[in-house]
């Protein structure tokens, strides 16, 4: 089954259902999209939350399980989520991003590209989502993270990311080698005005050297003739993960 870890703990499954239902009602959503439903442990609990419900699953072996749940066949899409443009997908199916929540137990090895495709937009429209991801990633992208990751900067510009709950490995079959967690993403009322291309260019340059200070990385780049970033004196000894939003803007604007 394409290396999937299936959630088996009923108390966690019910907690996820209740959390998604609450988020759906509070956000005013009209459409719900589940990524990677697998055998449908969560799907069978949430598909009646919305009359406009879709699942996107890569593994066609899951079809027999999803068909048993009672989903309409046209609501099940067998696609690699990385090849799906969510805006086009919703438009084609009569929905729109402004009223959509995306949820799912995400494959951990492609969490970053999935989040980038969903949330890294100049003009983000998705209402948000509720996800199971690797615990270490969740700790680094939550809005109040003490150390900010590459993904933190891309997502938190437009979305509030709340770390909801740690999920132990024993809740899955087979048990993964890492802890998992649940996170909730909700669209902010005020979205920061940051040039996303400039932000990504900056992150791509500095992220590989995250343990070094900004001043040192900039000097390395100057020697190689590949960096033109001016790091203010007061930020020279800071690391990327320690920057505030205002400090980052000072560098890239």
Protein backbone atom coordinates (compact mmCIF):
# COMPACT_ATOMS: atom_id res chain seq x y z
CA UNK A 1 0.00 0.00 0.00
CA UNK A 2 2.61 2.56 -1.07
CA UNK A 3 4.22 2.64 2.39
CA UNK A 4 1.15 3.99 4.16
CA UNK A 5 0.68 3.92 7.93
CA UNK A 6 -3.01 3.42 8.69
CA UNK A 7 -4.59 5.12 11.70
CA UNK A 8 -6.30 2.54 13.92
CA UNK A 9 -6.93 4.29 17.26
CA UNK A 10 -10.68 4.99 17.48
CA UNK A 11 -10.33 7.73 20.11
CA UNK A 12 -7.93 9.67 17.86
CA UNK A 13 -10.17 9.10 14.83
CA UNK A 14 -13.19 10.46 16.74
CA UNK A 15 -11.13 13.40 18.00
CA UNK A 16 -10.17 14.22 14.39
CA UNK A 17 -13.81 14.00 13.28
CA UNK A 18 -14.96 16.36 16.04
CA UNK A 19 -12.11 18.80 15.32
CA UNK A 20 -12.84 18.90 11.58
CA UNK A 21 -16.56 19.35 12.19
CA UNK A 22 -15.88 22.26 14.55
CA UNK A 23 -13.47 23.91 12.10
CA UNK A 24 -15.92 23.39 9.23
CA UNK A 25 -18.73 25.09 11.13
CA UNK A 26 -16.63 27.94 12.54
CA UNK A 27 -14.98 28.78 9.20
CA UNK A 28 -18.20 28.85 7.17
CA UNK A 29 -16.82 26.23 4.77
CA UNK A 30 -18.98 24.64 2.08
CA UNK A 31 -16.52 22.12 0.62
CA UNK A 32 -14.29 19.52 2.28
CA UNK A 33 -11.38 17.79 0.51
CA UNK A 34 -9.55 14.87 2.11
CA UNK A 35 -6.03 14.04 0.92
CA UNK A 36 -4.79 10.45 1.23
CA UNK A 37 -7.84 8.76 2.78
CA UNK A 38 -6.22 5.31 2.56
CA UNK A 39 -8.70 2.68 3.74
CA UNK A 40 -11.11 5.38 4.90
CA UNK A 41 -10.73 5.25 8.71
CA UNK A 42 -11.24 9.03 8.90
CA UNK A 43 -13.29 9.30 5.70
CA UNK A 44 -16.22 7.26 7.01
CA UNK A 45 -16.41 9.59 10.00
CA UNK A 46 -16.25 12.91 8.13
CA UNK A 47 -17.81 12.49 4.68
CA UNK A 48 -21.26 13.51 5.95
CA UNK A 49 -19.95 16.76 7.44
CA UNK A 50 -20.24 18.34 3.99
CA UNK A 51 -22.56 17.65 1.05
CA UNK A 52 -19.62 18.79 -1.09
CA UNK A 53 -16.99 16.23 -0.08
CA UNK A 54 -14.11 14.86 -2.19
CA UNK A 55 -11.19 12.52 -1.61
CA UNK A 56 -7.89 12.49 -3.50
CA UNK A 57 -5.95 9.23 -3.16
CA UNK A 58 -2.89 8.07 -5.09
CA UNK A 59 -3.17 4.32 -4.40
CA UNK A 60 -5.83 2.63 -6.58
CA UNK A 61 -5.71 -0.40 -4.26
CA UNK A 62 -7.74 1.72 -1.81
CA UNK A 63 -10.73 1.82 -4.17
CA UNK A 64 -12.42 -1.28 -2.72
CA UNK A 65 -12.27 0.21 0.79
CA UNK A 66 -13.52 3.65 -0.24
CA UNK A 67 -16.38 2.20 -2.28
CA UNK A 68 -17.70 0.41 0.83
CA UNK A 69 -18.07 3.68 2.74
CA UNK A 70 -20.94 4.91 0.59
CA UNK A 71 -19.16 7.73 -1.23
CA UNK A 72 -20.42 8.61 -4.69
CA UNK A 73 -17.91 7.32 -7.26
CA UNK A 74 -17.52 10.77 -8.81
CA UNK A 75 -16.33 12.12 -5.45
CA UNK A 76 -13.30 9.78 -5.41
CA UNK A 77 -10.24 10.86 -7.40
CA UNK A 78 -7.21 8.64 -7.87
CA UNK A 79 -4.44 11.15 -8.41
CA UNK A 80 -1.07 12.07 -6.97
CA UNK A 81 -1.90 15.18 -4.93
CA UNK A 82 1.37 16.77 -6.12
CA UNK A 83 -0.05 16.74 -9.65
CA UNK A 84 -3.34 18.35 -8.60
CA UNK A 85 -3.87 22.10 -8.73
CA UNK A 86 -6.46 22.47 -5.99
CA UNK A 87 -7.97 25.64 -7.48
CA UNK A 88 -8.52 23.99 -10.89
CA UNK A 89 -9.78 20.81 -9.21
CA UNK A 90 -12.40 22.72 -7.23
CA UNK A 91 -13.48 24.88 -10.18
CA UNK A 92 -13.97 21.75 -12.29
CA UNK A 93 -16.12 20.24 -9.55
CA UNK A 94 -18.27 23.29 -8.93
CA UNK A 95 -16.50 24.50 -5.78
CA UNK A 96 -14.13 27.33 -4.95
CA UNK A 97 -11.12 27.77 -2.69
CA UNK A 98 -12.71 30.56 -0.65
CA UNK A 99 -15.13 28.09 0.94
CA UNK A 100 -12.89 25.02 1.13
CA UNK A 101 -11.09 23.17 3.90
CA UNK A 102 -8.44 20.54 3.09
CA UNK A 103 -7.81 17.75 5.59
CA UNK A 104 -5.79 14.55 5.72
CA UNK A 105 -3.27 12.17 7.21
CA UNK A 106 -0.43 13.32 4.96
CA UNK A 107 2.41 11.10 3.69
CA UNK A 108 5.30 12.41 5.79
CA UNK A 109 7.88 12.29 3.01
CA UNK A 110 5.89 14.75 0.87
CA UNK A 111 4.39 17.01 3.56
CA UNK A 112 6.52 20.00 2.48
CA UNK A 113 5.58 19.96 -1.23
CA UNK A 114 1.90 19.40 -0.35
CA UNK A 115 1.87 22.40 2.00
CA UNK A 116 3.73 24.51 -0.55
CA UNK A 117 1.18 23.70 -3.26
CA UNK A 118 -1.76 24.43 -0.93
CA UNK A 119 -0.61 27.47 1.03
CA UNK A 120 2.27 29.19 -0.80
CA UNK A 121 0.36 31.73 -2.88
CA UNK A 122 0.53 35.48 -3.32
CA UNK A 123 -3.26 35.60 -2.96
CA UNK A 124 -4.20 32.58 -0.79
CA UNK A 125 -7.86 31.60 -0.84
CA UNK A 126 -8.23 28.27 0.99
CA UNK A 127 -9.95 28.64 4.37
CA UNK A 128 -7.39 26.31 5.93
CA UNK A 129 -7.21 22.70 7.00
CA UNK A 130 -6.65 20.01 9.61
CA UNK A 131 -3.74 17.59 9.18
CA UNK A 132 -1.83 14.69 10.65
CA UNK A 133 1.89 15.23 10.05
CA UNK A 134 5.24 14.25 11.54
CA UNK A 135 5.57 15.68 15.05
CA UNK A 136 8.95 17.29 14.39
CA UNK A 137 7.52 19.19 11.41
CA UNK A 138 4.49 20.30 13.41
CA UNK A 139 6.71 21.72 16.15
CA UNK A 140 8.59 23.80 13.58
CA UNK A 141 5.63 25.22 11.63
CA UNK A 142 3.24 26.09 14.48
CA UNK A 143 2.76 29.84 14.68
CA UNK A 144 4.37 30.15 18.11
CA UNK A 145 7.41 28.00 17.24
CA UNK A 146 10.59 29.15 18.97
CA UNK A 147 12.64 28.02 15.96
CA UNK A 148 11.12 28.69 12.56
CA UNK A 149 11.56 26.33 9.61
CA UNK A 150 11.49 27.03 5.87
CA UNK A 151 7.83 25.93 5.80
CA UNK A 152 6.99 28.19 8.76
CA UNK A 153 7.80 31.27 6.73
CA UNK A 154 5.76 30.13 3.73
CA UNK A 155 2.63 29.12 5.65
CA UNK A 156 2.43 31.59 8.54
CA UNK A 157 2.28 34.65 6.32
CA UNK A 158 -1.40 33.91 5.61
CA UNK A 159 -2.38 31.16 8.05
CA UNK A 160 -2.46 30.67 11.79
CA UNK A 161 -1.00 27.22 12.52
CA UNK A 162 -1.99 25.65 15.83
CA UNK A 163 -0.35 22.52 17.23
CA UNK A 164 -3.34 20.53 18.50
CA UNK A 165 -2.15 17.16 19.78
CA UNK A 166 0.73 14.67 19.68
CA UNK A 167 -0.21 11.23 18.31
CA UNK A 168 1.97 8.25 19.40
CA UNK A 169 3.28 5.73 16.87
CA UNK A 170 1.22 2.93 18.46
CA UNK A 171 -1.96 4.54 17.07
CA UNK A 172 -0.98 3.35 13.57
CA UNK A 173 -0.56 0.06 11.75
CA UNK A 174 2.20 -0.49 10.93
CA UNK A 175 3.66 1.82 13.58
CA UNK A 176 5.89 4.53 12.05
CA UNK A 177 9.34 5.18 13.49
CA UNK A 178 8.42 8.75 14.44
CA UNK A 179 5.76 10.50 16.51
CA UNK A 180 2.94 12.27 14.71
CA UNK A 181 0.82 15.29 15.54
CA UNK A 182 -2.37 17.06 14.54
CA UNK A 183 -2.29 20.67 13.39
CA UNK A 184 -5.01 23.15 12.49
CA UNK A 185 -4.51 25.87 9.86
CA UNK A 186 -6.88 28.83 9.70
CA UNK A 187 -6.69 31.73 7.29
CA UNK A 188 -5.76 35.05 8.87
CA UNK A 189 -8.04 38.07 8.55
CA UNK A 190 -4.99 40.20 7.71
CA UNK A 191 -2.42 38.71 5.34
CA UNK A 192 1.10 40.09 5.44
CA UNK A 193 2.28 41.93 2.37
CA UNK A 194 5.45 40.01 1.46
CA UNK A 195 6.74 39.30 -2.04
CA UNK A 196 6.57 35.50 -2.09
CA UNK A 197 9.19 35.12 -4.84
CA UNK A 198 11.63 37.32 -2.92
CA UNK A 199 10.86 35.36 0.26
CA UNK A 200 11.50 31.99 -1.40
CA UNK A 201 14.71 33.19 -3.04
CA UNK A 202 15.93 34.35 0.37
CA UNK A 203 14.93 31.08 2.07
CA UNK A 204 16.50 28.95 -0.66
CA UNK A 205 19.79 30.77 -0.16
CA UNK A 206 19.92 30.83 3.66
CA UNK A 207 18.07 27.62 4.69
CA UNK A 208 20.82 25.12 3.75
CA UNK A 209 23.08 26.85 6.30
CA UNK A 210 20.51 27.15 9.09
CA UNK A 211 23.08 26.54 11.86
CA UNK A 212 25.27 29.45 10.72
CA UNK A 213 24.60 33.12 11.43
CA UNK A 214 23.10 35.33 8.72
CA UNK A 215 26.19 37.54 8.60
CA UNK A 216 28.46 34.57 8.03
CA UNK A 217 26.23 33.10 5.30
CA UNK A 218 26.04 36.46 3.52
CA UNK A 219 29.85 36.76 3.56
CA UNK A 220 30.19 33.24 2.15
CA UNK A 221 27.82 34.24 -0.65
CA UNK A 222 29.74 37.43 -1.38
CA UNK A 223 33.00 35.51 -1.72
CA UNK A 224 31.35 33.18 -4.22
CA UNK A 225 29.73 36.11 -6.00
CA UNK A 226 26.22 34.75 -5.49
CA UNK A 227 24.75 36.93 -2.74
CA UNK A 228 23.79 40.58 -2.66
CA UNK A 229 21.92 40.52 0.65
CA UNK A 230 22.73 43.31 3.08
CA UNK A 231 22.35 42.04 6.64
CA UNK A 232 21.90 44.94 9.12
CA UNK A 233 24.53 45.04 11.87
CA UNK A 234 22.05 44.12 14.61
CA UNK A 235 21.02 40.95 12.73
CA UNK A 236 24.48 39.72 11.75
CA UNK A 237 24.69 37.21 14.59
CA UNK A 238 21.15 35.87 14.29
CA UNK A 239 20.18 32.59 12.64
CA UNK A 240 17.34 32.29 10.13
CA UNK A 241 15.17 30.37 12.60
CA UNK A 242 15.47 33.24 15.12
CA UNK A 243 14.29 36.09 12.89
CA UNK A 244 11.04 37.94 13.52
CA UNK A 245 8.77 38.84 10.60
CA UNK A 246 9.78 42.50 10.75
CA UNK A 247 13.48 41.59 10.76
CA UNK A 248 13.04 39.37 7.73
CA UNK A 249 11.17 42.11 5.87
CA UNK A 250 14.04 44.50 6.63
CA UNK A 251 16.40 42.18 4.75
CA UNK A 252 14.32 41.21 1.72
CA UNK A 253 12.40 44.44 1.05
